[in-house]
Amino acid sequence: MIVMLRAVVMMLALVLGCTQAIASDGWGSFKTRFMTSEGRIQDTGNRNISHTEGQGYAMLMAVWYNDRPAFEKLWLWTKTNLRNPNNGLFYWRYLPDQPNPVADKNNATDGDVLIAWALLQAGEKWQVQSYLNASDEIQRAILALTVMPFGGYTVMLPGSQGFNKNSYIVLNPSYFIFPAWRDFARRSHLKVWNKLINDGLELLTQMRFGNTHLPLDWVVLNADGSVAPAAAWPPRFSYDAIRIPLYLYWYDGQSPELVPFQQFWSAYPRLQTPAWIDVMSDTKAPYNMAGGLLAVRDLTLNETGYLTDTIGSNEDYYSSSLRLLTWLAFKQQQ
């Protein structure tokens, strides 16, 4: 029945030109298109796999839209299928077509942070102590397994395994989820969360590469405190790093760390803004921003009249997530 309804709705969207949103309620559209009946979020741009990022994003959305039944489904599926009983973190990826869907036992720290943050918000909004307890436990595991001093900074590794190379560490600055860290500091009264915020903001001032002065998707922090592009990834400001200004704005809509992004994007007409740029060669994407990417750009430039929580009929999981998260950040800063 759901498949038939989806087909009808998609056909109507095609008739209307494929540019209209398929529902006025962006969260309702998101659930219909990306959430299974069990509470698993499917990454439609990536073989319908699931990951802690998507579970955390959807849990945050469910809290914002006051959808407790959806939140409980999301949380039940997440803790049942992704929680690592040995360390309290979560397996980062779920491959539904594999005999062992969680063969990779590493975590993705941004997913852990998002889940803990959503549980904290849910526990406070709906007065559910078990959510608060679960959030506290995840926060403690994050601190124990992924947070460390290095190069004169306190940093959060992207995962508990594989990113500490002894003489340097690999960081993903889009994992610097400043508003979540602020809420963790308020909840726990632990100074380490504020230290992560302050050092993360300082690191972003150092991660200004090339002519654009933009950060990269992946960055190396050396033992002497210097930063450099991570050799294993293209030196791009791209689909990971697009979340940096989103989280900065969510933390502080007037943050001076937003300036490099504002300067770069304001140099282009809105609909001719490149989707990514290689900051070392200045090579730009051969296609322009659309969907959720464009929403982050609009938020960062305070062109908020363009913002909406409706999802275009051609938007995949990631674009739709960015669009709704941008809406949440905008509304929560008002």
Protein backbone atom coordinates (compact mmCIF):
# COMPACT_ATOMS: atom_id res chain seq x y z
CA MET A 1 0.00 0.00 0.00
CA ILE A 2 2.78 2.42 0.92
CA VAL A 3 4.61 1.63 -2.31
CA MET A 4 1.43 2.30 -4.31
CA LEU A 5 0.85 5.60 -2.52
CA ARG A 6 4.44 6.63 -3.13
CA ALA A 7 4.03 5.85 -6.81
CA VAL A 8 0.88 7.97 -7.04
CA VAL A 9 2.50 10.88 -5.23
CA MET A 10 5.62 10.70 -7.37
CA MET A 11 3.47 10.61 -10.54
CA LEU A 12 1.65 13.73 -9.40
CA ALA A 13 4.99 15.40 -8.73
CA LEU A 14 6.09 14.53 -12.27
CA VAL A 15 2.91 15.97 -13.68
CA LEU A 16 3.52 19.19 -11.77
CA GLY A 17 7.00 19.46 -13.19
CA CYS A 18 9.14 17.64 -10.58
CA THR A 19 10.04 20.91 -8.89
CA GLN A 20 7.28 21.03 -6.32
CA ALA A 21 7.65 19.53 -2.87
CA ILE A 22 5.76 16.29 -2.46
CA ALA A 23 4.28 17.38 0.86
CA SER A 24 3.93 20.62 2.76
CA ASP A 25 5.37 18.96 5.85
CA GLY A 26 9.05 18.29 5.21
CA TRP A 27 9.31 15.85 8.07
CA GLY A 28 6.35 13.87 6.79
CA SER A 29 7.99 13.70 3.37
CA PHE A 30 11.30 12.69 4.91
CA LYS A 31 9.72 9.83 6.84
CA THR A 32 7.76 8.57 3.85
CA ARG A 33 10.76 8.54 1.56
CA PHE A 34 13.67 7.54 3.79
CA MET A 35 12.43 5.85 6.98
CA THR A 36 11.38 2.20 7.06
CA SER A 37 8.56 0.97 9.26
CA GLU A 38 11.19 -0.39 11.67
CA GLY A 39 12.89 3.00 12.07
CA ARG A 40 15.87 2.62 9.74
CA ILE A 41 16.90 5.65 7.66
CA GLN A 42 17.94 4.69 4.12
CA ASP A 43 20.62 6.68 2.34
CA THR A 44 19.05 6.73 -1.10
CA GLY A 45 22.14 8.23 -2.68
CA ASN A 46 24.31 5.40 -1.36
CA ARG A 47 22.69 2.02 -2.11
CA ASN A 48 20.09 2.47 0.66
CA ILE A 49 22.61 1.76 3.38
CA SER A 50 22.08 3.17 6.84
CA HIS A 51 24.50 4.91 9.19
CA THR A 52 24.57 6.62 12.52
CA GLU A 53 24.63 10.02 10.85
CA GLY A 54 21.24 9.40 9.29
CA GLN A 55 19.76 7.91 12.46
CA GLY A 56 20.98 10.89 14.47
CA TYR A 57 19.69 13.43 11.97
CA ALA A 58 16.26 11.84 11.89
CA MET A 59 16.10 11.60 15.69
CA LEU A 60 16.84 15.34 15.92
CA MET A 61 14.11 16.05 13.39
CA ALA A 62 11.60 13.87 15.24
CA VAL A 63 12.21 15.83 18.43
CA TRP A 64 11.85 19.18 16.67
CA TYR A 65 8.60 18.10 14.97
CA ASN A 66 7.34 16.61 18.25
CA ASP A 67 6.99 13.15 16.73
CA ARG A 68 7.62 10.90 19.70
CA PRO A 69 6.39 7.66 18.03
CA ALA A 70 8.87 8.13 15.19
CA PHE A 71 11.63 9.00 17.63
CA GLU A 72 11.03 5.82 19.62
CA LYS A 73 11.17 3.70 16.45
CA LEU A 74 14.38 5.38 15.34
CA TRP A 75 16.03 4.95 18.72
CA LEU A 76 14.89 1.32 19.13
CA TRP A 77 16.26 0.35 15.72
CA THR A 78 19.50 2.23 16.33
CA LYS A 79 20.30 0.74 19.71
CA THR A 80 19.19 -2.74 18.64
CA ASN A 81 21.19 -2.88 15.41
CA LEU A 82 24.08 -0.42 15.75
CA ARG A 83 25.06 -0.20 19.39
CA ASN A 84 28.45 -1.71 20.17
CA PRO A 85 28.02 -3.50 23.52
CA ASN A 86 31.78 -3.52 24.09
CA ASN A 87 32.29 0.23 24.24
CA GLY A 88 28.93 2.03 24.27
CA LEU A 89 29.40 3.67 20.88
CA PHE A 90 27.68 2.68 17.63
CA TYR A 91 28.76 0.80 14.53
CA TRP A 92 28.87 3.52 11.93
CA ARG A 93 27.38 1.69 8.93
CA TYR A 94 24.64 -0.87 8.28
CA LEU A 95 24.64 -2.75 4.95
CA PRO A 96 21.18 -4.30 4.56
CA ASP A 97 22.19 -6.62 1.71
CA GLN A 98 25.12 -8.24 3.55
CA PRO A 99 25.11 -11.36 5.78
CA ASN A 100 26.77 -9.28 8.49
CA PRO A 101 25.41 -5.75 8.04
CA VAL A 102 27.82 -4.30 10.65
CA ALA A 103 31.04 -6.06 9.70
CA ASP A 104 32.96 -2.78 10.16
CA LYS A 105 33.04 -2.33 13.93
CA ASN A 106 34.37 1.23 13.92
CA ASN A 107 32.21 4.17 14.92
CA ALA A 108 31.70 7.56 13.29
CA THR A 109 31.92 10.08 16.08
CA ASP A 110 29.59 12.60 14.49
CA GLY A 111 26.89 9.94 14.43
CA ASP A 112 27.48 9.16 18.09
CA VAL A 113 27.28 12.86 18.94
CA LEU A 114 24.08 13.34 16.95
CA ILE A 115 22.40 10.37 18.64
CA ALA A 116 23.43 11.53 22.10
CA TRP A 117 22.29 15.07 21.31
CA ALA A 118 18.91 13.91 20.07
CA LEU A 119 18.42 11.76 23.17
CA LEU A 120 19.27 14.74 25.37
CA GLN A 121 16.77 16.94 23.56
CA ALA A 122 14.11 14.23 23.65
CA GLY A 123 14.64 13.53 27.34
CA GLU A 124 14.28 17.18 28.21
CA LYS A 125 11.33 17.85 25.90
CA TRP A 126 9.28 14.80 26.84
CA GLN A 127 10.62 14.31 30.37
CA VAL A 128 11.93 10.78 29.74
CA GLN A 129 14.72 9.84 32.13
CA SER A 130 15.81 6.79 30.13
CA TYR A 131 16.64 9.03 27.18
CA LEU A 132 18.72 11.30 29.39
CA ASN A 133 20.53 8.34 30.92
CA ALA A 134 21.31 6.93 27.47
CA SER A 135 22.62 10.29 26.30
CA ASP A 136 24.86 10.58 29.36
CA GLU A 137 26.29 7.10 28.72
CA ILE A 138 27.06 7.87 25.09
CA GLN A 139 28.67 11.17 26.01
CA ARG A 140 30.96 9.40 28.46
CA ALA A 141 31.93 6.81 25.83
CA ILE A 142 32.67 9.56 23.30
CA LEU A 143 34.97 11.29 25.76
CA ALA A 144 36.70 8.09 26.76
CA LEU A 145 37.34 6.74 23.27
CA THR A 146 37.55 9.63 20.82
CA VAL A 147 38.59 12.82 22.65
CA MET A 148 42.27 13.46 23.24
CA PRO A 149 44.88 16.20 23.57
CA PHE A 150 47.09 16.54 20.51
CA GLY A 151 49.29 19.27 19.04
CA GLY A 152 48.26 21.72 21.74
CA TYR A 153 44.55 21.21 21.17
CA THR A 154 41.77 19.06 22.59
CA VAL A 155 40.26 17.25 19.63
CA MET A 156 37.64 14.66 18.77
CA LEU A 157 38.77 11.88 16.45
CA PRO A 158 36.38 10.94 13.62
CA GLY A 159 36.35 7.39 14.97
CA SER A 160 37.93 5.42 17.77
CA GLN A 161 40.08 3.44 15.33
CA GLY A 162 42.33 4.41 12.46
CA PHE A 163 42.72 8.16 12.79
CA ASN A 164 45.55 8.48 15.32
CA LYS A 165 48.78 8.04 13.33
CA ASN A 166 51.03 8.93 16.30
CA SER A 167 52.97 11.72 14.56
CA TYR A 168 49.70 13.21 13.26
CA ILE A 169 45.98 12.67 13.49
CA VAL A 170 43.29 12.92 10.84
CA LEU A 171 40.33 15.19 11.54
CA ASN A 172 37.04 15.82 9.84
CA PRO A 173 36.04 19.40 10.75
CA SER A 174 32.43 18.73 9.75
CA TYR A 175 32.31 16.55 12.87
CA PHE A 176 32.77 19.68 15.01
CA ILE A 177 29.12 19.83 16.09
CA PHE A 178 29.40 22.93 18.26
CA PRO A 179 25.73 23.26 19.34
CA ALA A 180 25.72 19.65 20.55
CA TRP A 181 28.96 20.14 22.47
CA ARG A 182 27.45 23.23 24.10
CA ASP A 183 24.42 21.26 25.24
CA PHE A 184 26.65 18.47 26.55
CA ALA A 185 28.59 21.04 28.56
CA ARG A 186 25.37 22.40 30.02
CA ARG A 187 24.15 18.92 30.88
CA SER A 188 27.34 17.43 32.31
CA HIS A 189 29.17 20.54 33.61
CA LEU A 190 32.35 19.01 32.21
CA LYS A 191 34.89 21.57 31.03
CA VAL A 192 36.17 19.29 28.28
CA TRP A 193 33.15 20.09 26.10
CA ASN A 194 33.88 23.81 26.27
CA LYS A 195 37.52 23.03 25.57
CA LEU A 196 36.46 21.16 22.44
CA ILE A 197 34.39 24.15 21.35
CA ASN A 198 37.15 26.70 21.92
CA ASP A 199 39.86 24.58 20.33
CA GLY A 200 37.59 23.58 17.46
CA LEU A 201 36.89 27.22 16.65
CA GLU A 202 40.61 28.00 16.85
CA LEU A 203 41.43 25.07 14.58
CA LEU A 204 38.98 26.36 11.98
CA THR A 205 40.95 29.61 11.85
CA GLN A 206 44.01 27.52 10.98
CA MET A 207 42.17 25.40 8.39
CA ARG A 208 41.96 28.15 5.80
CA PHE A 209 43.55 26.74 2.69
CA GLY A 210 44.26 28.13 -0.76
CA ASN A 211 42.89 31.32 -2.24
CA THR A 212 39.43 30.72 -0.83
CA HIS A 213 40.59 30.30 2.80
CA LEU A 214 38.14 27.43 3.17
CA PRO A 215 38.54 24.25 5.24
CA LEU A 216 38.66 20.81 3.67
CA ASP A 217 36.59 17.68 4.11
CA TRP A 218 39.58 15.97 5.77
CA VAL A 219 42.53 17.65 7.49
CA VAL A 220 45.74 16.49 9.17
CA LEU A 221 46.74 17.92 12.53
CA ASN A 222 50.45 17.47 13.11
CA ALA A 223 52.11 17.00 16.49
CA ASP A 224 53.52 20.54 16.31
CA GLY A 225 50.00 21.98 15.97
CA SER A 226 50.19 22.72 12.25
CA VAL A 227 47.47 21.62 9.85
CA ALA A 228 47.60 20.32 6.27
CA PRO A 229 45.33 18.64 3.72
CA ALA A 230 44.85 14.94 4.43
CA ALA A 231 46.64 13.05 1.66
CA ALA A 232 44.11 10.23 1.38
CA TRP A 233 41.28 12.52 0.22
CA PRO A 234 40.92 15.18 -2.49
CA PRO A 235 41.66 18.65 -1.04
CA ARG A 236 38.08 19.80 -1.46
CA PHE A 237 35.56 21.90 0.35
CA SER A 238 32.78 19.52 -0.55
CA TYR A 239 29.96 17.31 0.71
CA ASP A 240 31.43 16.75 4.17
CA ALA A 241 32.68 20.27 4.82
CA ILE A 242 29.38 21.85 3.73
CA ARG A 243 28.16 21.04 7.24
CA ILE A 244 30.81 23.22 8.90
CA PRO A 245 28.96 26.52 8.31
CA LEU A 246 25.67 24.80 9.18
CA TYR A 247 26.94 23.81 12.62
CA LEU A 248 28.67 27.16 13.10
CA TYR A 249 25.45 29.01 12.39
CA TRP A 250 23.51 26.64 14.65
CA TYR A 251 25.98 27.47 17.41
CA ASP A 252 26.22 31.21 16.73
CA GLY A 253 24.58 32.89 13.78
CA GLN A 254 27.03 35.79 14.12
CA SER A 255 30.19 33.70 14.41
CA PRO A 256 33.21 35.33 12.73
CA GLU A 257 34.19 31.85 11.54
CA LEU A 258 31.35 32.11 9.02
CA VAL A 259 33.14 34.89 7.12
CA PRO A 260 35.26 32.73 4.75
CA PHE A 261 32.16 30.84 3.62
CA GLN A 262 30.21 34.07 3.19
CA GLN A 263 32.98 35.63 1.14
CA PHE A 264 33.31 32.60 -1.12
CA TRP A 265 29.62 32.08 -1.79
CA SER A 266 28.72 35.76 -2.17
CA ALA A 267 31.07 35.94 -5.16
CA TYR A 268 28.61 33.87 -7.22
CA PRO A 269 25.02 34.37 -8.31
CA ARG A 270 22.86 32.18 -6.10
CA LEU A 271 21.97 29.56 -8.70
CA GLN A 272 25.46 29.56 -10.19
CA THR A 273 27.31 28.67 -6.99
CA PRO A 274 29.59 25.65 -7.54
CA ALA A 275 28.70 22.59 -5.49
CA TRP A 276 32.32 22.10 -4.39
CA ILE A 277 35.81 23.44 -4.97
CA ASP A 278 39.31 22.00 -4.86
CA VAL A 279 40.82 24.67 -2.65
CA MET A 280 44.38 23.94 -3.69
CA SER A 281 43.87 24.12 -7.47
CA ASP A 282 40.70 26.28 -7.50
CA THR A 283 39.04 23.66 -9.71
CA LYS A 284 35.29 23.92 -9.25
CA ALA A 285 32.54 21.35 -9.59
CA PRO A 286 31.08 21.20 -13.11
CA TYR A 287 27.62 21.56 -11.59
CA ASN A 288 26.02 24.04 -9.21
CA MET A 289 24.51 23.87 -5.76
CA ALA A 290 20.92 22.71 -5.41
CA GLY A 291 18.64 21.40 -2.70
CA GLY A 292 20.14 21.09 0.75
CA LEU A 293 23.54 22.40 -0.34
CA LEU A 294 21.90 25.59 -1.52
CA ALA A 295 19.96 25.82 1.74
CA VAL A 296 23.20 25.83 3.74
CA ARG A 297 24.53 28.57 1.47
CA ASP A 298 21.36 30.63 1.97
CA LEU A 299 21.48 30.21 5.75
CA THR A 300 25.15 31.20 5.90
CA LEU A 301 24.53 34.35 3.84
CA ASN A 302 21.42 35.18 5.90
CA GLU A 303 19.31 34.96 2.75
CA THR A 304 16.69 33.26 4.88
CA GLY A 305 13.75 34.12 2.64
CA TYR A 306 14.74 31.14 0.52
CA LEU A 307 14.63 28.70 3.42
CA THR A 308 11.87 26.13 3.71
CA ASP A 309 11.37 22.73 5.29
CA THR A 310 9.67 21.28 2.23
CA ILE A 311 11.63 18.70 0.25
CA GLY A 312 11.87 18.71 -3.52
CA SER A 313 10.69 15.60 -5.31
CA ASN A 314 14.16 14.93 -6.76
CA GLU A 315 16.12 15.34 -3.52
CA ASP A 316 17.93 12.32 -2.10
CA TYR A 317 18.51 11.48 1.56
CA TYR A 318 21.52 13.75 2.07
CA SER A 319 20.11 16.80 0.32
CA SER A 320 16.83 16.38 2.21
CA SER A 321 18.68 16.02 5.50
CA LEU A 322 20.67 19.19 4.92
CA ARG A 323 17.51 21.07 3.99
CA LEU A 324 15.66 20.07 7.16
CA LEU A 325 18.69 20.55 9.41
CA THR A 326 19.17 24.02 7.96
CA TRP A 327 15.55 24.75 8.78
CA LEU A 328 16.06 23.54 12.37
CA ALA A 329 19.18 25.67 12.77
CA PHE A 330 17.38 28.72 11.41
CA LYS A 331 14.30 28.29 13.60
CA GLN A 332 16.33 27.58 16.73
CA GLN A 333 18.38 30.76 16.22
CA GLN A 334 15.27 32.95 15.98
